[in-house]
N, C-alpha and C. Protein backbone atom coordinates (compact mmCIF):
# COMPACT_ATOMS: atom_id res chain seq x y z
N UNK A 1 5.51 25.22 -11.91
CA UNK A 1 6.96 25.32 -12.11
C UNK A 1 7.66 24.37 -11.15
N UNK A 2 8.59 23.61 -11.66
CA UNK A 2 9.36 22.68 -10.85
C UNK A 2 10.81 23.14 -10.81
N UNK A 3 11.37 23.15 -9.63
CA UNK A 3 12.80 23.40 -9.49
C UNK A 3 13.46 22.09 -9.08
N UNK A 4 14.65 21.86 -9.59
CA UNK A 4 15.34 20.61 -9.32
C UNK A 4 16.79 20.88 -8.97
N UNK A 5 17.27 20.15 -7.96
CA UNK A 5 18.68 20.20 -7.60
C UNK A 5 19.16 18.76 -7.46
N UNK A 6 20.32 18.49 -8.05
CA UNK A 6 20.93 17.15 -7.96
C UNK A 6 22.29 17.30 -7.30
N UNK A 7 22.57 16.41 -6.36
CA UNK A 7 23.87 16.43 -5.72
C UNK A 7 24.22 15.08 -5.15
N UNK A 8 25.45 14.95 -4.77
CA UNK A 8 25.93 13.77 -4.06
C UNK A 8 26.12 14.18 -2.62
N UNK A 9 25.54 13.42 -1.71
CA UNK A 9 25.70 13.70 -0.28
C UNK A 9 26.38 12.53 0.39
N UNK A 10 27.27 12.83 1.33
CA UNK A 10 27.93 11.78 2.08
C UNK A 10 26.97 11.28 3.15
N UNK A 11 26.48 10.07 2.96
CA UNK A 11 25.50 9.47 3.87
C UNK A 11 26.19 8.77 5.03
N UNK A 12 27.01 9.53 5.74
CA UNK A 12 27.67 8.98 6.92
C UNK A 12 26.59 8.52 7.90
N UNK A 13 26.85 7.41 8.57
CA UNK A 13 25.88 6.81 9.48
C UNK A 13 24.58 6.45 8.75
N UNK A 14 24.68 6.21 7.44
CA UNK A 14 23.55 5.75 6.62
C UNK A 14 22.38 6.74 6.64
N UNK A 15 22.69 8.04 6.51
CA UNK A 15 21.62 9.03 6.52
C UNK A 15 22.10 10.36 5.97
N UNK A 16 21.13 11.15 5.53
CA UNK A 16 21.37 12.56 5.21
C UNK A 16 20.15 13.34 5.67
N UNK A 17 20.29 14.66 5.72
CA UNK A 17 19.23 15.52 6.28
C UNK A 17 18.71 16.49 5.25
N UNK A 18 17.44 16.82 5.38
CA UNK A 18 16.92 18.06 4.84
C UNK A 18 16.29 18.77 6.03
N UNK A 19 16.65 20.03 6.20
CA UNK A 19 16.16 20.72 7.39
C UNK A 19 16.10 22.21 7.20
N UNK A 20 15.24 22.83 7.98
CA UNK A 20 15.17 24.28 8.04
C UNK A 20 16.51 24.78 8.55
N UNK A 21 16.98 25.87 7.98
CA UNK A 21 18.30 26.39 8.33
C UNK A 21 18.44 26.76 9.80
N UNK A 22 17.35 27.15 10.44
CA UNK A 22 17.45 27.67 11.80
C UNK A 22 17.12 26.66 12.90
N UNK A 23 16.86 25.41 12.57
CA UNK A 23 16.55 24.44 13.62
C UNK A 23 17.79 23.66 14.02
N UNK A 24 17.71 23.03 15.17
CA UNK A 24 18.81 22.24 15.73
C UNK A 24 19.11 21.02 14.86
N UNK A 25 18.07 20.34 14.41
CA UNK A 25 18.27 19.18 13.53
C UNK A 25 18.73 17.92 14.23
N UNK A 26 18.59 17.85 15.55
CA UNK A 26 19.06 16.69 16.32
C UNK A 26 18.05 15.55 16.19
N UNK A 27 18.43 14.51 15.48
CA UNK A 27 17.57 13.35 15.27
C UNK A 27 17.97 12.16 16.14
N UNK A 28 18.85 12.37 17.11
CA UNK A 28 19.37 11.24 17.88
C UNK A 28 18.27 10.43 18.57
N UNK A 29 17.21 11.08 19.05
CA UNK A 29 16.11 10.34 19.68
C UNK A 29 15.07 9.87 18.66
N UNK A 30 15.18 10.34 17.44
CA UNK A 30 14.18 10.01 16.41
C UNK A 30 14.49 8.72 15.66
N UNK A 31 15.75 8.29 15.69
CA UNK A 31 16.11 7.07 14.97
C UNK A 31 15.75 5.84 15.80
N UNK A 32 14.44 5.60 15.93
CA UNK A 32 13.94 4.41 16.61
C UNK A 32 14.14 3.20 15.71
N UNK A 33 13.83 2.01 16.23
CA UNK A 33 13.92 0.80 15.41
C UNK A 33 13.01 0.91 14.19
N UNK A 34 11.80 1.46 14.39
CA UNK A 34 10.88 1.61 13.26
C UNK A 34 11.42 2.62 12.24
N UNK A 35 11.98 3.72 12.73
CA UNK A 35 12.54 4.73 11.82
C UNK A 35 13.66 4.13 10.98
N UNK A 36 14.51 3.34 11.59
CA UNK A 36 15.59 2.68 10.85
C UNK A 36 14.99 1.73 9.81
N UNK A 37 13.96 1.01 10.18
CA UNK A 37 13.32 0.05 9.28
C UNK A 37 12.71 0.75 8.06
N UNK A 38 12.07 1.92 8.26
CA UNK A 38 11.43 2.61 7.14
C UNK A 38 12.34 3.66 6.49
N UNK A 39 13.57 3.78 7.00
CA UNK A 39 14.57 4.69 6.45
C UNK A 39 14.14 6.17 6.56
N UNK A 40 13.50 6.52 7.67
CA UNK A 40 13.03 7.90 7.83
C UNK A 40 12.87 8.25 9.30
N UNK A 41 13.49 9.37 9.68
CA UNK A 41 13.32 9.90 11.03
C UNK A 41 12.96 11.38 10.90
N UNK A 42 12.11 11.87 11.78
CA UNK A 42 11.72 13.27 11.72
C UNK A 42 11.73 13.90 13.11
N UNK A 43 11.95 15.18 13.11
CA UNK A 43 11.78 16.02 14.29
C UNK A 43 11.41 17.40 13.76
N UNK A 44 11.11 18.32 14.62
CA UNK A 44 10.65 19.64 14.18
C UNK A 44 11.65 20.27 13.20
N UNK A 45 11.18 20.56 11.99
CA UNK A 45 12.00 21.23 10.99
C UNK A 45 13.09 20.39 10.36
N UNK A 46 13.08 19.08 10.60
CA UNK A 46 14.16 18.22 10.08
C UNK A 46 13.61 16.86 9.64
N UNK A 47 14.12 16.41 8.51
CA UNK A 47 13.84 15.06 8.02
C UNK A 47 15.19 14.36 7.85
N UNK A 48 15.32 13.20 8.46
CA UNK A 48 16.48 12.35 8.27
C UNK A 48 16.12 11.23 7.32
N UNK A 49 16.80 11.18 6.18
CA UNK A 49 16.54 10.15 5.18
C UNK A 49 17.59 9.06 5.35
N UNK A 50 17.13 7.86 5.66
CA UNK A 50 18.03 6.73 5.80
C UNK A 50 18.47 6.22 4.43
N UNK A 51 19.66 5.66 4.39
CA UNK A 51 20.21 5.13 3.14
C UNK A 51 20.68 3.69 3.36
N UNK A 52 20.95 2.99 2.28
CA UNK A 52 21.45 1.62 2.39
C UNK A 52 22.96 1.55 2.26
N UNK A 53 23.58 2.71 2.03
CA UNK A 53 25.05 2.77 1.98
C UNK A 53 25.56 3.90 2.85
N UNK A 54 26.73 3.70 3.38
CA UNK A 54 27.42 4.66 4.24
C UNK A 54 28.48 5.39 3.41
N UNK A 55 28.06 5.83 2.22
CA UNK A 55 28.98 6.44 1.25
C UNK A 55 28.28 7.64 0.61
N UNK A 56 28.91 8.25 -0.41
CA UNK A 56 28.24 9.29 -1.18
C UNK A 56 27.08 8.65 -1.94
N UNK A 57 25.93 9.31 -1.87
CA UNK A 57 24.74 8.80 -2.57
C UNK A 57 24.14 9.93 -3.41
N UNK A 58 23.53 9.58 -4.55
CA UNK A 58 22.89 10.60 -5.39
C UNK A 58 21.53 11.00 -4.80
N UNK A 59 21.34 12.31 -4.69
CA UNK A 59 20.10 12.85 -4.14
C UNK A 59 19.56 13.89 -5.12
N UNK A 60 18.28 13.78 -5.41
CA UNK A 60 17.59 14.77 -6.23
C UNK A 60 16.47 15.36 -5.38
N UNK A 61 16.40 16.68 -5.36
CA UNK A 61 15.30 17.37 -4.68
C UNK A 61 14.55 18.18 -5.72
N UNK A 62 13.24 17.95 -5.80
CA UNK A 62 12.39 18.70 -6.72
C UNK A 62 11.32 19.41 -5.90
N UNK A 63 11.14 20.70 -6.16
CA UNK A 63 10.08 21.45 -5.48
C UNK A 63 8.97 21.74 -6.48
N UNK A 64 7.76 21.64 -6.00
CA UNK A 64 6.57 21.81 -6.83
C UNK A 64 5.65 22.85 -6.18
N UNK A 65 4.83 23.47 -7.02
CA UNK A 65 3.85 24.42 -6.50
C UNK A 65 2.65 23.72 -5.91
N UNK A 66 2.32 22.53 -6.42
CA UNK A 66 1.21 21.73 -5.91
C UNK A 66 1.68 20.28 -5.81
N UNK A 67 0.87 19.46 -5.16
CA UNK A 67 1.22 18.05 -5.00
C UNK A 67 1.42 17.39 -6.36
N UNK A 68 2.59 16.80 -6.60
CA UNK A 68 2.86 16.17 -7.90
C UNK A 68 2.28 14.75 -7.97
N UNK A 69 2.18 14.27 -9.19
CA UNK A 69 1.82 12.87 -9.40
C UNK A 69 2.96 12.00 -8.88
N UNK A 70 2.66 10.74 -8.62
CA UNK A 70 3.71 9.81 -8.22
C UNK A 70 4.62 9.54 -9.41
N UNK A 71 5.89 9.29 -9.11
CA UNK A 71 6.83 8.90 -10.17
C UNK A 71 6.37 7.61 -10.82
N UNK A 72 6.47 7.56 -12.12
CA UNK A 72 6.21 6.31 -12.82
C UNK A 72 7.40 5.39 -12.57
N UNK A 73 7.12 4.12 -12.37
CA UNK A 73 8.17 3.17 -12.03
C UNK A 73 7.96 1.85 -12.79
N UNK A 74 8.02 1.91 -14.14
CA UNK A 74 7.73 0.71 -14.92
C UNK A 74 8.73 -0.43 -14.70
N UNK A 75 9.93 -0.09 -14.29
CA UNK A 75 10.94 -1.14 -14.07
C UNK A 75 11.02 -1.58 -12.61
N UNK A 76 10.12 -1.05 -11.79
CA UNK A 76 10.03 -1.42 -10.38
C UNK A 76 11.36 -1.23 -9.64
N UNK A 77 11.98 -0.07 -9.85
CA UNK A 77 13.24 0.23 -9.18
C UNK A 77 13.04 0.90 -7.82
N UNK A 78 11.86 1.47 -7.59
CA UNK A 78 11.62 2.17 -6.33
C UNK A 78 11.15 1.17 -5.29
N UNK A 79 11.94 1.02 -4.24
CA UNK A 79 11.66 0.03 -3.21
C UNK A 79 10.92 0.58 -2.01
N UNK A 80 11.00 1.87 -1.80
CA UNK A 80 10.39 2.49 -0.62
C UNK A 80 9.90 3.87 -1.01
N UNK A 81 8.71 4.25 -0.51
CA UNK A 81 8.21 5.61 -0.66
C UNK A 81 7.63 6.03 0.68
N UNK A 82 8.11 7.15 1.20
CA UNK A 82 7.60 7.71 2.46
C UNK A 82 7.13 9.13 2.21
N UNK A 83 6.17 9.57 3.01
CA UNK A 83 5.75 10.97 3.00
C UNK A 83 5.73 11.48 4.43
N UNK A 84 6.15 12.74 4.59
CA UNK A 84 6.10 13.39 5.90
C UNK A 84 6.09 14.90 5.69
N UNK A 85 5.85 15.62 6.75
CA UNK A 85 5.81 17.07 6.69
C UNK A 85 7.08 17.68 7.26
N UNK A 86 7.36 18.90 6.82
CA UNK A 86 8.47 19.68 7.37
C UNK A 86 8.05 21.15 7.35
N UNK A 87 8.33 21.83 8.46
CA UNK A 87 8.05 23.25 8.53
C UNK A 87 9.32 24.03 8.22
N UNK A 88 9.21 24.97 7.30
CA UNK A 88 10.33 25.84 6.94
C UNK A 88 9.99 27.24 7.46
N UNK A 89 10.59 27.62 8.57
CA UNK A 89 10.29 28.93 9.16
C UNK A 89 11.33 29.99 8.80
N UNK A 90 12.50 29.55 8.35
CA UNK A 90 13.57 30.49 8.03
C UNK A 90 13.54 30.95 6.57
N UNK A 91 12.87 30.18 5.71
CA UNK A 91 12.90 30.47 4.29
C UNK A 91 14.06 29.81 3.57
N UNK A 92 14.85 29.01 4.29
CA UNK A 92 15.96 28.29 3.67
C UNK A 92 15.95 26.84 4.12
N UNK A 93 16.07 25.94 3.13
CA UNK A 93 16.15 24.52 3.38
C UNK A 93 17.59 24.08 3.12
N UNK A 94 18.14 23.31 4.05
CA UNK A 94 19.51 22.83 3.95
C UNK A 94 19.49 21.34 3.61
N UNK A 95 20.34 20.94 2.66
CA UNK A 95 20.53 19.53 2.32
C UNK A 95 21.95 19.17 2.70
N UNK A 96 22.10 18.16 3.56
CA UNK A 96 23.44 17.86 4.06
C UNK A 96 23.54 16.43 4.56
N UNK A 97 24.75 15.88 4.47
CA UNK A 97 25.05 14.66 5.19
C UNK A 97 25.15 15.02 6.67
N UNK A 98 24.92 14.05 7.54
CA UNK A 98 24.86 14.40 8.97
C UNK A 98 26.21 14.84 9.53
N UNK A 99 27.31 14.55 8.85
CA UNK A 99 28.61 15.02 9.33
C UNK A 99 29.19 16.13 8.44
N UNK A 100 28.38 16.64 7.50
CA UNK A 100 28.85 17.75 6.66
C UNK A 100 29.06 19.00 7.50
N UNK A 101 29.92 19.88 7.01
CA UNK A 101 30.13 21.18 7.65
C UNK A 101 28.92 22.03 7.31
N UNK A 102 28.05 22.25 8.29
CA UNK A 102 26.75 22.87 8.07
C UNK A 102 26.81 24.22 7.34
N UNK A 103 27.73 25.13 7.69
CA UNK A 103 27.75 26.41 6.98
C UNK A 103 28.00 26.30 5.48
N UNK A 104 28.62 25.21 5.04
CA UNK A 104 28.92 25.04 3.62
C UNK A 104 27.94 24.12 2.90
N UNK A 105 26.93 23.62 3.61
CA UNK A 105 25.97 22.70 3.00
C UNK A 105 25.08 23.43 1.98
N UNK A 106 24.55 22.66 1.05
CA UNK A 106 23.66 23.19 0.01
C UNK A 106 22.40 23.77 0.62
N UNK A 107 21.96 24.92 0.10
CA UNK A 107 20.75 25.58 0.57
C UNK A 107 19.88 25.95 -0.61
N UNK A 108 18.57 25.89 -0.38
CA UNK A 108 17.63 26.42 -1.36
C UNK A 108 16.67 27.35 -0.62
N UNK A 109 16.27 28.39 -1.30
CA UNK A 109 15.35 29.36 -0.73
C UNK A 109 13.93 28.89 -1.03
N UNK A 110 13.11 28.86 0.01
CA UNK A 110 11.71 28.48 -0.11
C UNK A 110 10.84 29.49 0.62
N UNK A 111 9.64 29.61 0.19
CA UNK A 111 8.67 30.42 0.92
C UNK A 111 8.46 29.77 2.29
N UNK A 112 8.36 30.58 3.32
CA UNK A 112 8.13 30.04 4.66
C UNK A 112 6.79 29.33 4.71
N UNK A 113 6.73 28.25 5.50
CA UNK A 113 5.48 27.53 5.66
C UNK A 113 5.69 26.05 5.83
N UNK A 114 4.59 25.31 5.76
CA UNK A 114 4.61 23.85 5.88
C UNK A 114 4.69 23.21 4.50
N UNK A 115 5.50 22.17 4.44
CA UNK A 115 5.70 21.44 3.19
C UNK A 115 5.49 19.95 3.43
N UNK A 116 5.07 19.29 2.39
CA UNK A 116 4.96 17.84 2.38
C UNK A 116 6.13 17.33 1.56
N UNK A 117 6.79 16.30 2.07
CA UNK A 117 7.92 15.67 1.37
C UNK A 117 7.54 14.24 1.03
N UNK A 118 7.73 13.89 -0.22
CA UNK A 118 7.58 12.49 -0.66
C UNK A 118 8.97 12.02 -1.04
N UNK A 119 9.42 10.98 -0.37
CA UNK A 119 10.78 10.50 -0.56
C UNK A 119 10.75 9.14 -1.24
N UNK A 120 11.43 9.07 -2.38
CA UNK A 120 11.55 7.83 -3.15
C UNK A 120 12.95 7.26 -2.91
N UNK A 121 12.98 5.97 -2.64
CA UNK A 121 14.24 5.26 -2.41
C UNK A 121 14.36 4.22 -3.52
N UNK A 122 15.35 4.37 -4.39
CA UNK A 122 15.44 3.48 -5.54
C UNK A 122 16.65 2.58 -5.54
N UNK A 123 16.50 1.45 -6.19
CA UNK A 123 17.58 0.46 -6.37
C UNK A 123 18.24 0.07 -5.05
N UNK A 124 17.43 -0.12 -4.02
CA UNK A 124 17.99 -0.45 -2.71
C UNK A 124 18.67 -1.81 -2.69
N UNK A 125 18.34 -2.65 -3.64
CA UNK A 125 18.94 -3.98 -3.71
C UNK A 125 20.13 -4.04 -4.67
N UNK A 126 20.52 -2.91 -5.22
CA UNK A 126 21.63 -2.86 -6.18
C UNK A 126 22.89 -2.30 -5.50
N UNK A 127 23.33 -3.00 -4.46
CA UNK A 127 24.49 -2.59 -3.66
C UNK A 127 25.54 -3.69 -3.75
N UNK A 128 26.81 -3.28 -3.83
CA UNK A 128 27.89 -4.26 -3.87
C UNK A 128 27.95 -5.03 -2.55
N UNK A 129 28.59 -6.19 -2.59
CA UNK A 129 28.70 -7.02 -1.39
C UNK A 129 29.35 -6.30 -0.23
N UNK A 130 30.34 -5.46 -0.52
CA UNK A 130 31.02 -4.74 0.56
C UNK A 130 30.27 -3.48 0.99
N UNK A 131 29.17 -3.16 0.29
CA UNK A 131 28.35 -2.02 0.66
C UNK A 131 28.91 -0.66 0.27
N UNK A 132 30.00 -0.65 -0.48
CA UNK A 132 30.64 0.62 -0.83
C UNK A 132 30.10 1.22 -2.13
N UNK A 133 29.69 0.38 -3.06
CA UNK A 133 29.21 0.85 -4.35
C UNK A 133 27.77 0.43 -4.54
N UNK A 134 27.06 1.18 -5.36
CA UNK A 134 25.69 0.80 -5.62
C UNK A 134 25.02 1.74 -6.60
N UNK A 135 23.84 1.34 -7.03
CA UNK A 135 23.03 2.15 -7.93
C UNK A 135 21.84 2.76 -7.20
N UNK A 136 21.86 2.73 -5.87
CA UNK A 136 20.76 3.31 -5.11
C UNK A 136 20.66 4.80 -5.38
N UNK A 137 19.43 5.33 -5.28
CA UNK A 137 19.22 6.76 -5.45
C UNK A 137 18.08 7.20 -4.55
N UNK A 138 18.05 8.49 -4.27
CA UNK A 138 17.08 9.07 -3.35
C UNK A 138 16.54 10.34 -3.99
N UNK A 139 15.22 10.39 -4.14
CA UNK A 139 14.59 11.54 -4.78
C UNK A 139 13.50 12.07 -3.86
N UNK A 140 13.54 13.36 -3.61
CA UNK A 140 12.59 14.00 -2.71
C UNK A 140 11.75 14.99 -3.50
N UNK A 141 10.43 14.85 -3.38
CA UNK A 141 9.50 15.81 -3.98
C UNK A 141 8.89 16.61 -2.84
N UNK A 142 8.93 17.92 -2.97
CA UNK A 142 8.52 18.82 -1.90
C UNK A 142 7.52 19.83 -2.43
N UNK A 143 6.41 20.02 -1.72
CA UNK A 143 5.42 21.01 -2.12
C UNK A 143 4.80 21.62 -0.88
N UNK A 144 4.40 22.87 -1.02
CA UNK A 144 3.81 23.60 0.10
C UNK A 144 2.40 23.08 0.34
N UNK A 145 2.02 23.02 1.61
CA UNK A 145 0.70 22.52 1.97
C UNK A 145 0.17 23.29 3.17
N UNK A 146 -1.13 23.36 3.29
CA UNK A 146 -1.73 23.96 4.48
C UNK A 146 -2.38 22.89 5.35
N UNK A 147 -2.17 21.65 4.97
CA UNK A 147 -2.76 20.52 5.69
C UNK A 147 -1.65 19.68 6.32
N UNK A 148 -1.59 19.64 7.63
CA UNK A 148 -0.59 18.84 8.33
C UNK A 148 -1.07 17.39 8.36
N UNK A 149 -0.17 16.47 7.97
CA UNK A 149 -0.52 15.05 7.92
C UNK A 149 0.51 14.23 8.69
N UNK A 150 0.12 13.03 9.01
CA UNK A 150 1.01 12.09 9.67
C UNK A 150 2.02 11.54 8.66
N UNK A 151 3.08 10.99 9.18
CA UNK A 151 4.03 10.27 8.35
C UNK A 151 3.31 9.08 7.72
N UNK A 152 3.56 8.85 6.44
CA UNK A 152 2.95 7.73 5.74
C UNK A 152 4.03 6.91 5.04
N UNK A 153 3.92 5.61 5.19
CA UNK A 153 4.73 4.68 4.39
C UNK A 153 3.82 4.26 3.25
N UNK A 154 4.12 4.75 2.05
CA UNK A 154 3.28 4.48 0.89
C UNK A 154 3.69 3.18 0.21
N UNK A 155 4.98 2.96 0.14
CA UNK A 155 5.50 1.69 -0.37
C UNK A 155 6.62 1.26 0.55
N UNK A 156 6.50 0.06 1.08
CA UNK A 156 7.46 -0.46 2.06
C UNK A 156 8.33 -1.51 1.39
N UNK A 157 9.62 -1.34 1.53
CA UNK A 157 10.53 -2.33 0.92
C UNK A 157 10.31 -3.72 1.49
N UNK A 158 9.72 -3.81 2.67
CA UNK A 158 9.41 -5.11 3.28
C UNK A 158 7.93 -5.46 3.17
N UNK A 159 7.13 -4.55 2.56
CA UNK A 159 5.72 -4.75 2.23
C UNK A 159 4.79 -4.96 3.41
N UNK A 160 5.22 -4.79 4.64
CA UNK A 160 4.33 -5.00 5.78
C UNK A 160 3.47 -3.79 6.10
N UNK A 161 3.91 -2.58 5.70
CA UNK A 161 3.15 -1.37 6.02
C UNK A 161 2.67 -0.65 4.77
N UNK A 162 2.73 -1.29 3.65
CA UNK A 162 2.46 -0.63 2.37
C UNK A 162 1.01 -0.17 2.25
N UNK A 163 0.84 1.05 1.75
CA UNK A 163 -0.49 1.57 1.44
C UNK A 163 -0.66 1.58 -0.08
N UNK A 164 -1.87 1.72 -0.53
CA UNK A 164 -2.09 1.77 -1.97
C UNK A 164 -1.84 3.17 -2.51
N UNK A 165 -1.33 3.25 -3.71
CA UNK A 165 -1.03 4.54 -4.33
C UNK A 165 -2.29 5.17 -4.88
């Protein structure tokens, strides 16, 4: 069974968060030069997804019972794919822009435990000259796992760290 949520998040400071409801979510030390380059920062219970626009961006979150297949990309619109883990200890995952009012941010109920997140970054090169408009999109696939893994760059928009699918 797959659950899906679609929303627009304000990517202030070129980022949005998915995080456990009960964690601090402070990524200030996590946005290293490498994190900015791969559009991903993590800390305990929090994933910061970097964006190419500092505006509202379309975000889709899909939850799966098991690890899903990779998205098909026949038109080569996906420029970056990252995977990382997140622990959900509260049973609630929050999706929010970093300056959103946290109590009013979108929440989904999840079974407590460790999850793997695969983040797809699409149409990163389809941004207006002024950076205000674009066709970029961000899709997160999340599934429960009992195996903790390192952050992986599966497809790198700059191709220097790319792994094979």
